[in-house]
Amino acid sequence: MRSMSTISPRSAESTPPLFDSGASGSTETAGSRTDQSRGHTFPCDGCGADLVFHIGQQKLKCPYCGFEKEIALDEEAAIVEQDFHAILQRVAEQRRDGTYEAHREDAQKEVRCDGCGGTVLFTGSLTSSECPYCGSPIQIEDAHTAESRIPVDGVLGFLVAEHIAKKDLAEWVRSRWFAPTEFRKRGVQGRFNGVYLPYWTFDSLTLTRYRGERGEHYYVTVGTGKNQRQERRTRWYPASGTFQRFFDDVLVTACRGLNGKLVRGLEPWPLDKCLPFNREMLAGYLARTYEVELDGGFVEARRRIDEALREDVGARIGGDTQRIHSIDTRHDALTFKHLLLPVWLLAYRFHDKPYQVLVNAATGEIQGERPWSWVKIALAVLAALAVAGGLAWFFHARSQVSPHAFQLDGLGLDFHHLRENTPTIAVLPDGRDTPLSTPC
């Protein structure tokens, strides 16, 4: 179980605003509630405008007067591992009582903006957004801490500023050699959205019993004459055993609608930089609550654990090859955490086809979809075939060389033959050459 420490931002320099109204950041505990405690904003003590989280300074800051507030954290607050089975039991009881709020794709909540009086509609898993009328950051009150849902334990703040993510994305585009030239020159056109994605992390102490066979190769000579050859055979020996392995922070995304391969490609995450959950770090960014339930998240975590254990079993059986007959695993001390992790998300179109790019806003890792140039790919394949063919011809030609003759580049120039059939030349005092002898 990793200990959680203070955020160390990637860059302390100031950054351009995330939204048109500007962005900066620092604040204390709770902001103002709107719409009967269903909305949450963070007013500036200096001018009354809304504060937003500033990446470079890791504070809440007013984009208008520059007022800053430190993010207030309880000194005794800590990110604590939660008992998996106890929480599942609590959720089951709440479902029977009708007090558990399961995620619904069509769920909608209306929150009145305290800045302009407009109504902000939250749909699906969205819990933090900005007012479309005045740009004020606004959150659904208690969306991540309500008893009717599994609360968030920790949050990893944005450490990579938007302008750095844009710069890294431009380099990523230029490095896509098999992308269309037009795409590499024009780059990606679109707007980054900062969003906190929900994750489950699971810890488990596993006890595994396995049974299988270890295969060891040996070779025998078969056939006679020109048909004589070596054949590989395998001797099999029984193998079994028991071992323990502890899995720490097996990470599973708890939201849907994103390309799973891209999301997994953002790993690893610096989870040691997570802080106990506080709303202030969400100010000015989008945030989503979990759509994949806790038990569903562990199904995916267990699949990954099983894959790792199968590799362990293969290594423990040893030999040249293995047969695995059975693997039985017991999970003890099973705990989890509910985290929010930061991502820069960008959607763009190229030739009317949509693509998606994700940036790990803590490490800068980029994962994205991109167009392909089939012309470049075809030329590369043809070039590879030409090189392969040239090498095959070269090695075939070399294999034809005898100990007494070398045919230069396959042109038929036999130096042994030339030496035996070339007359000897003498150079006379006047510079003229004349044959001294001619082979018969």
Protein backbone atom coordinates (compact mmCIF):
# COMPACT_ATOMS: atom_id res chain seq x y z
CA MET A 1 0.00 0.00 0.00
CA ARG A 2 1.55 3.23 -1.05
CA SER A 3 1.68 6.21 1.24
CA MET A 4 0.26 9.42 -0.17
CA SER A 5 2.36 12.58 -0.01
CA THR A 6 2.18 16.23 -1.04
CA ILE A 7 1.89 17.23 -4.70
CA SER A 8 5.10 18.26 -6.41
CA PRO A 9 4.10 20.19 -9.54
CA ARG A 10 5.99 19.65 -12.76
CA SER A 11 6.36 23.35 -13.36
CA ALA A 12 5.97 26.32 -11.05
CA GLU A 13 5.61 28.76 -13.91
CA SER A 14 2.31 30.51 -14.51
CA THR A 15 0.06 29.01 -17.19
CA PRO A 16 -2.44 30.41 -19.65
CA PRO A 17 -6.09 30.08 -18.60
CA LEU A 18 -7.87 26.79 -19.19
CA PHE A 19 -11.13 28.55 -19.91
CA ASP A 20 -11.67 31.85 -21.68
CA SER A 21 -12.33 33.55 -18.36
CA GLY A 22 -8.84 32.60 -17.12
CA ALA A 23 -7.58 30.16 -14.52
CA SER A 24 -5.42 30.20 -11.42
CA GLY A 25 -5.76 28.45 -8.12
CA SER A 26 -5.97 28.33 -4.30
CA THR A 27 -8.83 28.13 -1.77
CA GLU A 28 -9.92 27.00 1.67
CA THR A 29 -12.36 24.28 2.66
CA ALA A 30 -15.91 24.90 1.49
CA GLY A 31 -17.22 27.38 -1.03
CA SER A 32 -20.75 28.69 -1.49
CA ARG A 33 -23.66 26.33 -2.00
CA THR A 34 -26.28 27.00 -4.61
CA ASP A 35 -29.61 25.46 -5.54
CA GLN A 36 -30.46 24.00 -2.12
CA SER A 37 -26.99 22.52 -1.48
CA ARG A 38 -26.85 20.77 -4.84
CA GLY A 39 -24.28 23.07 -6.40
CA HIS A 40 -20.85 24.20 -5.23
CA THR A 41 -18.75 27.24 -6.23
CA PHE A 42 -15.60 28.87 -4.84
CA PRO A 43 -16.00 32.67 -4.51
CA CYS A 44 -12.97 35.00 -4.33
CA ASP A 45 -12.60 36.81 -0.99
CA GLY A 46 -11.17 39.79 -2.85
CA CYS A 47 -13.67 40.55 -5.59
CA GLY A 48 -16.36 37.86 -5.39
CA ALA A 49 -15.48 36.19 -8.71
CA ASP A 50 -15.02 32.43 -8.88
CA LEU A 51 -11.70 30.85 -8.00
CA VAL A 52 -10.21 28.06 -10.11
CA PHE A 53 -7.39 25.59 -9.47
CA HIS A 54 -4.02 26.85 -10.75
CA ILE A 55 -1.70 24.10 -11.98
CA GLY A 56 1.62 25.90 -11.66
CA GLN A 57 0.99 27.16 -8.15
CA GLN A 58 -1.20 24.25 -6.98
CA LYS A 59 -3.60 26.77 -5.42
CA LEU A 60 -6.98 28.34 -6.08
CA LYS A 61 -6.58 31.73 -7.71
CA CYS A 62 -8.88 34.48 -8.93
CA PRO A 63 -8.46 35.11 -12.67
CA TYR A 64 -9.52 38.76 -12.22
CA CYS A 65 -7.86 40.24 -9.12
CA GLY A 66 -5.16 37.64 -8.60
CA PHE A 67 -6.29 36.73 -5.09
CA GLU A 68 -4.95 33.34 -3.97
CA LYS A 69 -5.97 30.82 -1.34
CA GLU A 70 -4.12 27.79 -0.13
CA ILE A 71 -5.99 24.53 -0.44
CA ALA A 72 -7.00 23.70 3.10
CA LEU A 73 -6.19 20.13 4.06
CA ASP A 74 -6.80 18.54 7.42
CA GLU A 75 -3.38 17.69 8.85
CA GLU A 76 -4.80 14.39 10.08
CA ALA A 77 -6.45 13.58 6.76
CA ALA A 78 -5.04 10.55 4.97
CA ILE A 79 -5.92 8.27 2.11
CA VAL A 80 -7.00 5.05 3.75
CA GLU A 81 -7.46 1.67 2.11
CA GLN A 82 -11.11 0.56 2.27
CA ASP A 83 -12.25 -2.96 3.13
CA PHE A 84 -13.58 -4.41 -0.14
CA HIS A 85 -15.99 -6.95 1.34
CA ALA A 86 -17.31 -4.56 4.02
CA ILE A 87 -18.15 -1.87 1.45
CA LEU A 88 -19.81 -4.41 -0.85
CA GLN A 89 -21.95 -5.54 2.07
CA ARG A 90 -22.89 -1.92 2.85
CA VAL A 91 -23.83 -1.29 -0.79
CA ALA A 92 -25.95 -4.44 -0.83
CA GLU A 93 -27.82 -3.27 2.26
CA GLN A 94 -28.36 0.19 0.76
CA ARG A 95 -29.71 -1.37 -2.41
CA ARG A 96 -32.21 -3.37 -0.39
CA ASP A 97 -33.21 -0.22 1.49
CA GLY A 98 -33.38 1.82 -1.70
CA THR A 99 -30.80 4.33 -0.41
CA TYR A 100 -27.95 3.44 -2.79
CA GLU A 101 -27.72 5.69 -5.83
CA ALA A 102 -26.59 3.52 -8.71
CA HIS A 103 -25.27 5.22 -11.83
CA ARG A 104 -27.78 5.88 -14.61
CA GLU A 105 -26.78 6.96 -18.10
CA ASP A 106 -29.90 9.13 -18.38
CA ALA A 107 -29.54 10.68 -14.91
CA GLN A 108 -29.92 14.48 -14.95
CA LYS A 109 -29.50 17.18 -12.31
CA GLU A 110 -30.15 20.89 -12.67
CA VAL A 111 -27.98 23.31 -10.69
CA ARG A 112 -28.48 27.05 -10.56
CA CYS A 113 -25.34 29.10 -11.15
CA ASP A 114 -24.79 31.58 -8.35
CA GLY A 115 -22.83 33.84 -10.68
CA CYS A 116 -25.39 34.59 -13.38
CA GLY A 117 -28.51 32.74 -12.27
CA GLY A 118 -28.43 30.39 -15.26
CA THR A 119 -29.29 26.71 -14.99
CA VAL A 120 -26.53 24.15 -15.57
CA LEU A 121 -27.66 20.66 -16.56
CA PHE A 122 -25.47 17.77 -15.36
CA THR A 123 -26.08 14.52 -17.20
CA GLY A 124 -24.71 11.00 -16.79
CA SER A 125 -21.55 10.80 -14.68
CA LEU A 126 -20.56 14.47 -14.97
CA THR A 127 -20.18 16.09 -11.53
CA SER A 128 -18.03 19.17 -12.17
CA SER A 129 -18.27 21.59 -15.08
CA GLU A 130 -18.47 25.28 -15.94
CA CYS A 131 -21.50 27.46 -16.48
CA PRO A 132 -22.09 27.76 -20.25
CA TYR A 133 -23.37 31.31 -19.77
CA CYS A 134 -20.72 32.98 -17.61
CA GLY A 135 -17.90 30.43 -17.44
CA SER A 136 -18.06 30.03 -13.65
CA PRO A 137 -16.79 26.65 -12.37
CA ILE A 138 -19.55 24.75 -10.60
CA GLN A 139 -19.90 21.32 -8.98
CA ILE A 140 -22.72 19.11 -7.76
CA GLU A 141 -22.64 19.27 -3.98
CA ASP A 142 -21.49 16.04 -2.29
CA ALA A 143 -21.32 14.17 -5.60
CA HIS A 144 -18.05 12.51 -4.56
CA THR A 145 -18.71 12.23 -0.82
CA ALA A 146 -22.41 11.31 -0.52
CA GLU A 147 -23.34 8.31 1.62
CA SER A 148 -25.53 7.06 -1.21
CA ARG A 149 -22.40 6.53 -3.32
CA ILE A 150 -18.91 5.17 -2.58
CA PRO A 151 -16.93 8.32 -1.62
CA VAL A 152 -13.71 9.41 -3.32
CA ASP A 153 -10.65 8.69 -1.18
CA GLY A 154 -8.01 10.69 -3.02
CA VAL A 155 -7.34 13.03 -5.92
CA LEU A 156 -4.23 13.58 -8.01
CA GLY A 157 -4.04 17.22 -9.06
CA PHE A 158 -3.15 18.50 -12.53
CA LEU A 159 0.66 18.75 -12.72
CA VAL A 160 1.13 19.29 -16.47
CA ALA A 161 -0.08 22.69 -17.65
CA GLU A 162 -2.23 23.02 -20.75
CA HIS A 163 0.39 24.87 -22.80
CA ILE A 164 2.94 22.12 -22.03
CA ALA A 165 0.43 19.46 -23.09
CA LYS A 166 -0.15 21.36 -26.36
CA LYS A 167 3.59 21.57 -27.02
CA ASP A 168 4.06 17.86 -26.32
CA LEU A 169 1.10 17.04 -28.56
CA ALA A 170 2.63 19.01 -31.45
CA GLU A 171 5.84 16.97 -31.09
CA TRP A 172 3.78 13.77 -30.91
CA VAL A 173 2.06 14.65 -34.20
CA ARG A 174 5.38 15.41 -35.94
CA SER A 175 6.77 12.04 -34.83
CA ARG A 176 3.94 10.06 -36.53
CA TRP A 177 5.98 9.09 -39.61
CA PHE A 178 3.21 7.04 -41.23
CA ALA A 179 0.58 9.75 -40.81
CA PRO A 180 -0.49 11.79 -43.87
CA THR A 181 1.88 14.68 -44.63
CA GLU A 182 -1.03 17.11 -44.43
CA PHE A 183 -1.80 15.93 -40.88
CA ARG A 184 1.81 16.25 -39.73
CA LYS A 185 2.09 19.77 -41.14
CA ARG A 186 -1.29 21.04 -39.97
CA GLY A 187 -1.25 19.34 -36.57
CA VAL A 188 -4.23 18.69 -34.31
CA GLN A 189 -6.85 21.41 -34.19
CA GLY A 190 -9.08 21.35 -31.15
CA ARG A 191 -9.55 22.44 -27.55
CA PHE A 192 -8.16 20.61 -24.53
CA ASN A 193 -10.60 19.82 -21.74
CA GLY A 194 -9.23 19.05 -18.31
CA VAL A 195 -11.18 16.20 -16.76
CA TYR A 196 -10.84 14.08 -13.62
CA LEU A 197 -11.53 10.43 -14.40
CA PRO A 198 -12.64 7.97 -11.67
CA TYR A 199 -10.47 4.95 -10.92
CA TRP A 200 -10.51 1.99 -8.57
CA THR A 201 -7.23 0.67 -7.18
CA PHE A 202 -7.13 -2.77 -5.56
CA ASP A 203 -4.66 -4.37 -3.15
CA SER A 204 -4.69 -8.11 -2.65
CA LEU A 205 -2.54 -10.73 -0.93
CA THR A 206 -2.85 -13.82 -3.10
CA LEU A 207 -2.16 -17.46 -2.28
CA THR A 208 -1.80 -19.57 -5.42
CA ARG A 209 -1.64 -23.35 -5.84
CA TYR A 210 -0.71 -24.69 -9.26
CA ARG A 211 -0.19 -28.01 -11.03
CA GLY A 212 1.40 -28.60 -14.41
CA GLU A 213 4.30 -30.13 -16.34
CA ARG A 214 7.81 -28.94 -17.19
CA GLY A 215 9.02 -29.74 -20.69
CA GLU A 216 12.74 -30.14 -21.52
CA HIS A 217 13.84 -30.34 -25.15
CA TYR A 218 16.36 -32.79 -26.58
CA TYR A 219 17.36 -33.64 -30.17
CA VAL A 220 17.68 -36.95 -32.03
CA THR A 221 19.04 -37.79 -35.47
CA VAL A 222 16.55 -39.41 -37.82
CA GLY A 223 16.72 -40.55 -41.43
CA THR A 224 19.71 -41.64 -43.54
CA GLY A 225 21.79 -40.21 -46.31
CA LYS A 226 20.44 -36.99 -47.76
CA ASN A 227 17.31 -37.35 -45.63
CA GLN A 228 19.23 -37.37 -42.36
CA ARG A 229 18.12 -34.55 -40.03
CA GLN A 230 17.77 -33.42 -36.42
CA GLU A 231 14.36 -33.57 -34.77
CA ARG A 232 13.41 -31.94 -31.49
CA ARG A 233 11.68 -34.01 -28.84
CA THR A 234 10.36 -33.05 -25.38
CA ARG A 235 10.47 -34.92 -22.09
CA TRP A 236 7.74 -33.95 -19.60
CA TYR A 237 8.04 -33.90 -15.82
CA PRO A 238 5.28 -33.14 -13.27
CA ALA A 239 5.47 -29.80 -11.43
CA SER A 240 3.36 -28.27 -8.68
CA GLY A 241 3.68 -25.76 -5.87
CA THR A 242 2.23 -22.99 -3.72
CA PHE A 243 3.32 -19.35 -3.43
CA GLN A 244 2.15 -15.97 -2.16
CA ARG A 245 2.25 -12.64 -3.99
CA PHE A 246 1.01 -9.21 -2.91
CA PHE A 247 -0.55 -6.96 -5.55
CA ASP A 248 -0.49 -3.23 -4.79
CA ASP A 249 -2.66 -0.61 -6.52
CA VAL A 250 -3.99 -2.63 -9.45
CA LEU A 251 -5.57 0.24 -11.37
CA VAL A 252 -8.94 -0.02 -13.12
CA THR A 253 -10.76 2.85 -14.82
CA ALA A 254 -14.30 3.31 -13.48
CA CYS A 255 -15.80 5.20 -16.44
CA ARG A 256 -17.08 4.20 -19.84
CA GLY A 257 -17.13 5.88 -23.23
CA LEU A 258 -13.35 6.24 -23.64
CA ASN A 259 -10.99 4.10 -25.68
CA GLY A 260 -9.81 1.52 -23.14
CA LYS A 261 -6.50 0.95 -24.91
CA LEU A 262 -5.71 4.67 -24.81
CA VAL A 263 -6.69 4.96 -21.14
CA ARG A 264 -4.46 2.02 -20.17
CA GLY A 265 -1.65 3.53 -22.21
CA LEU A 266 -1.60 6.54 -19.87
CA GLU A 267 -0.18 4.37 -17.10
CA PRO A 268 1.79 4.43 -14.88
CA TRP A 269 0.37 7.12 -12.60
CA PRO A 270 2.31 8.73 -9.73
CA LEU A 271 -0.20 7.63 -7.12
CA ASP A 272 2.18 8.60 -4.32
CA LYS A 273 1.34 12.23 -5.15
CA CYS A 274 -2.38 11.83 -4.47
CA LEU A 275 -3.95 13.94 -1.75
CA PRO A 276 -7.02 13.23 0.39
CA PHE A 277 -10.08 14.27 -1.60
CA ASN A 278 -11.04 17.95 -1.54
CA ARG A 279 -13.39 19.83 -3.85
CA GLU A 280 -11.03 22.76 -4.36
CA MET A 281 -8.72 20.81 -6.67
CA LEU A 282 -11.67 20.16 -9.01
CA ALA A 283 -12.46 23.86 -9.44
CA GLY A 284 -12.39 24.85 -13.11
CA TYR A 285 -12.19 21.30 -14.45
CA LEU A 286 -14.65 18.65 -15.55
CA ALA A 287 -15.06 15.66 -13.25
CA ARG A 288 -16.88 12.37 -13.58
CA THR A 289 -18.18 9.94 -11.00
CA TYR A 290 -17.82 6.19 -11.38
CA GLU A 291 -19.96 4.27 -13.86
CA VAL A 292 -18.29 0.89 -13.29
CA GLU A 293 -19.44 -0.40 -9.89
CA LEU A 294 -16.92 -1.60 -7.33
CA ASP A 295 -17.57 -5.30 -7.86
CA GLY A 296 -17.38 -4.82 -11.64
CA GLY A 297 -14.06 -3.04 -11.21
CA PHE A 298 -12.63 -5.97 -9.28
CA VAL A 299 -13.64 -8.35 -12.08
CA GLU A 300 -11.24 -6.46 -14.37
CA ALA A 301 -8.58 -6.20 -11.63
CA ARG A 302 -8.80 -9.94 -11.02
CA ARG A 303 -8.37 -10.63 -14.73
CA ARG A 304 -5.11 -8.67 -14.69
CA ILE A 305 -3.98 -10.36 -11.48
CA ASP A 306 -4.72 -13.78 -12.99
CA GLU A 307 -2.62 -12.91 -16.07
CA ALA A 308 0.32 -11.94 -13.87
CA LEU A 309 -0.04 -15.07 -11.74
CA ARG A 310 -0.12 -17.27 -14.84
CA GLU A 311 3.22 -15.78 -15.90
CA ASP A 312 4.55 -16.47 -12.40
CA VAL A 313 3.40 -20.09 -12.58
CA GLY A 314 5.10 -20.56 -15.94
CA ALA A 315 8.37 -19.20 -14.55
CA ARG A 316 8.13 -21.41 -11.46
CA ILE A 317 7.48 -24.56 -13.50
CA GLY A 318 10.58 -23.72 -15.55
CA GLY A 319 12.07 -25.81 -18.31
CA ASP A 320 11.97 -25.06 -22.02
CA THR A 321 8.18 -25.15 -22.24
CA GLN A 322 5.30 -25.61 -19.82
CA ARG A 323 1.86 -27.16 -19.52
CA ILE A 324 -0.40 -25.59 -16.89
CA HIS A 325 -3.20 -27.87 -15.75
CA SER A 326 -4.70 -25.84 -12.90
CA ILE A 327 -4.27 -22.57 -10.99
CA ASP A 328 -6.27 -21.92 -7.82
CA THR A 329 -5.95 -18.47 -6.23
CA ARG A 330 -7.28 -17.14 -2.95
CA HIS A 331 -7.49 -13.39 -2.28
CA ASP A 332 -6.87 -12.19 1.28
CA ALA A 333 -6.63 -8.69 2.78
CA LEU A 334 -8.56 -7.33 -0.21
CA THR A 335 -8.81 -3.52 -0.08
CA PHE A 336 -9.47 -0.69 -2.53
CA LYS A 337 -9.31 3.07 -3.03
CA HIS A 338 -11.54 5.35 -5.10
CA LEU A 339 -9.38 7.97 -6.85
CA LEU A 340 -9.81 10.84 -9.31
CA LEU A 341 -6.93 11.16 -11.79
CA PRO A 342 -6.31 14.11 -14.16
CA VAL A 343 -6.45 13.85 -17.96
CA TRP A 344 -6.26 16.40 -20.75
CA LEU A 345 -8.84 15.24 -23.30
CA LEU A 346 -9.04 16.47 -26.88
CA ALA A 347 -11.33 15.43 -29.74
CA TYR A 348 -10.52 16.45 -33.31
CA ARG A 349 -11.52 15.65 -36.87
CA PHE A 350 -9.37 14.94 -39.92
CA HIS A 351 -11.13 14.60 -43.28
CA ASP A 352 -14.45 14.40 -41.40
CA LYS A 353 -13.37 11.42 -39.29
CA PRO A 354 -13.32 11.84 -35.48
CA TYR A 355 -10.22 11.06 -33.41
CA GLN A 356 -9.42 11.24 -29.70
CA VAL A 357 -6.26 12.19 -27.81
CA LEU A 358 -5.62 11.71 -24.07
CA VAL A 359 -2.75 13.21 -22.09
CA ASN A 360 -1.78 12.06 -18.62
CA ALA A 361 -1.91 15.42 -16.83
CA ALA A 362 0.46 14.17 -14.13
CA THR A 363 3.26 12.71 -16.29
CA GLY A 364 2.67 14.13 -19.80
CA GLU A 365 2.26 10.69 -21.43
CA ILE A 366 0.26 10.99 -24.68
CA GLN A 367 -2.02 8.34 -26.11
CA GLY A 368 -4.10 9.10 -29.16
CA GLU A 369 -5.83 8.03 -32.33
CA ARG A 370 -4.35 9.28 -35.59
CA PRO A 371 -4.91 8.93 -39.34
CA TRP A 372 -2.65 6.66 -41.41
CA SER A 373 -1.13 7.25 -44.84
CA TRP A 374 -1.60 4.00 -46.74
CA VAL A 375 0.66 5.33 -49.51
CA LYS A 376 3.56 5.69 -47.05
CA ILE A 377 2.83 2.27 -45.57
CA ALA A 378 2.76 0.65 -49.05
CA LEU A 379 6.06 2.31 -50.01
CA ALA A 380 7.64 1.20 -46.75
CA VAL A 381 6.49 -2.40 -47.34
CA LEU A 382 7.86 -2.37 -50.89
CA ALA A 383 11.17 -0.94 -49.66
CA ALA A 384 11.40 -3.62 -46.97
CA LEU A 385 10.68 -6.36 -49.53
CA ALA A 386 13.35 -4.93 -51.86
CA VAL A 387 15.93 -4.91 -49.07
CA ALA A 388 14.98 -8.43 -48.02
CA GLY A 389 15.23 -9.62 -51.61
CA GLY A 390 18.62 -7.96 -52.07
CA LEU A 391 19.99 -9.55 -48.91
CA ALA A 392 18.65 -12.97 -49.93
CA TRP A 393 20.32 -12.69 -53.34
CA PHE A 394 23.60 -11.51 -51.79
CA PHE A 395 23.83 -14.39 -49.32
CA HIS A 396 22.80 -16.87 -52.00
CA ALA A 397 25.61 -15.58 -54.24
CA ARG A 398 28.14 -15.88 -51.43
CA SER A 399 27.05 -19.44 -50.75
CA GLN A 400 28.12 -20.38 -54.31
CA VAL A 401 31.78 -19.28 -53.80
CA SER A 402 34.38 -22.12 -54.01
CA PRO A 403 37.65 -22.13 -51.99
CA HIS A 404 39.68 -21.39 -55.19
CA ALA A 405 37.45 -18.88 -56.96
CA PHE A 406 35.39 -15.76 -56.17
CA GLN A 407 32.82 -14.46 -58.60
CA LEU A 408 32.63 -10.68 -58.16
CA ASP A 409 29.02 -9.62 -57.45
CA GLY A 410 27.65 -12.44 -59.52
CA LEU A 411 29.07 -10.96 -62.78
CA GLY A 412 30.86 -14.16 -63.70
CA LEU A 413 34.41 -12.79 -63.15
CA ASP A 414 36.30 -15.91 -62.04
CA PHE A 415 39.69 -14.68 -60.77
CA HIS A 416 41.11 -18.24 -60.69
CA HIS A 417 40.17 -18.70 -64.34
CA LEU A 418 41.57 -15.29 -65.31
CA ARG A 419 44.90 -15.99 -63.59
CA GLU A 420 45.33 -19.28 -65.49
CA ASN A 421 44.42 -17.76 -68.89
CA THR A 422 46.03 -14.28 -68.76
CA PRO A 423 49.38 -13.72 -70.51
CA THR A 424 52.36 -12.47 -68.49
CA ILE A 425 53.29 -8.87 -69.36
CA ALA A 426 56.78 -7.33 -69.27
CA VAL A 427 57.42 -3.62 -69.44
CA LEU A 428 60.30 -2.64 -71.76
CA PRO A 429 62.69 0.32 -71.14
CA ASP A 430 60.80 2.47 -73.66
CA GLY A 431 57.54 2.00 -71.71
CA ARG A 432 56.01 -0.52 -74.09
CA ASP A 433 54.55 -3.76 -72.70
CA THR A 434 54.99 -7.18 -74.33
CA PRO A 435 53.86 -10.68 -73.41
CA LEU A 436 56.59 -12.88 -71.94
CA SER A 437 54.57 -16.05 -72.04
CA THR A 438 51.17 -17.22 -73.05
CA PRO A 439 49.52 -20.20 -71.35
CA CYS A 440 48.91 -23.17 -73.62
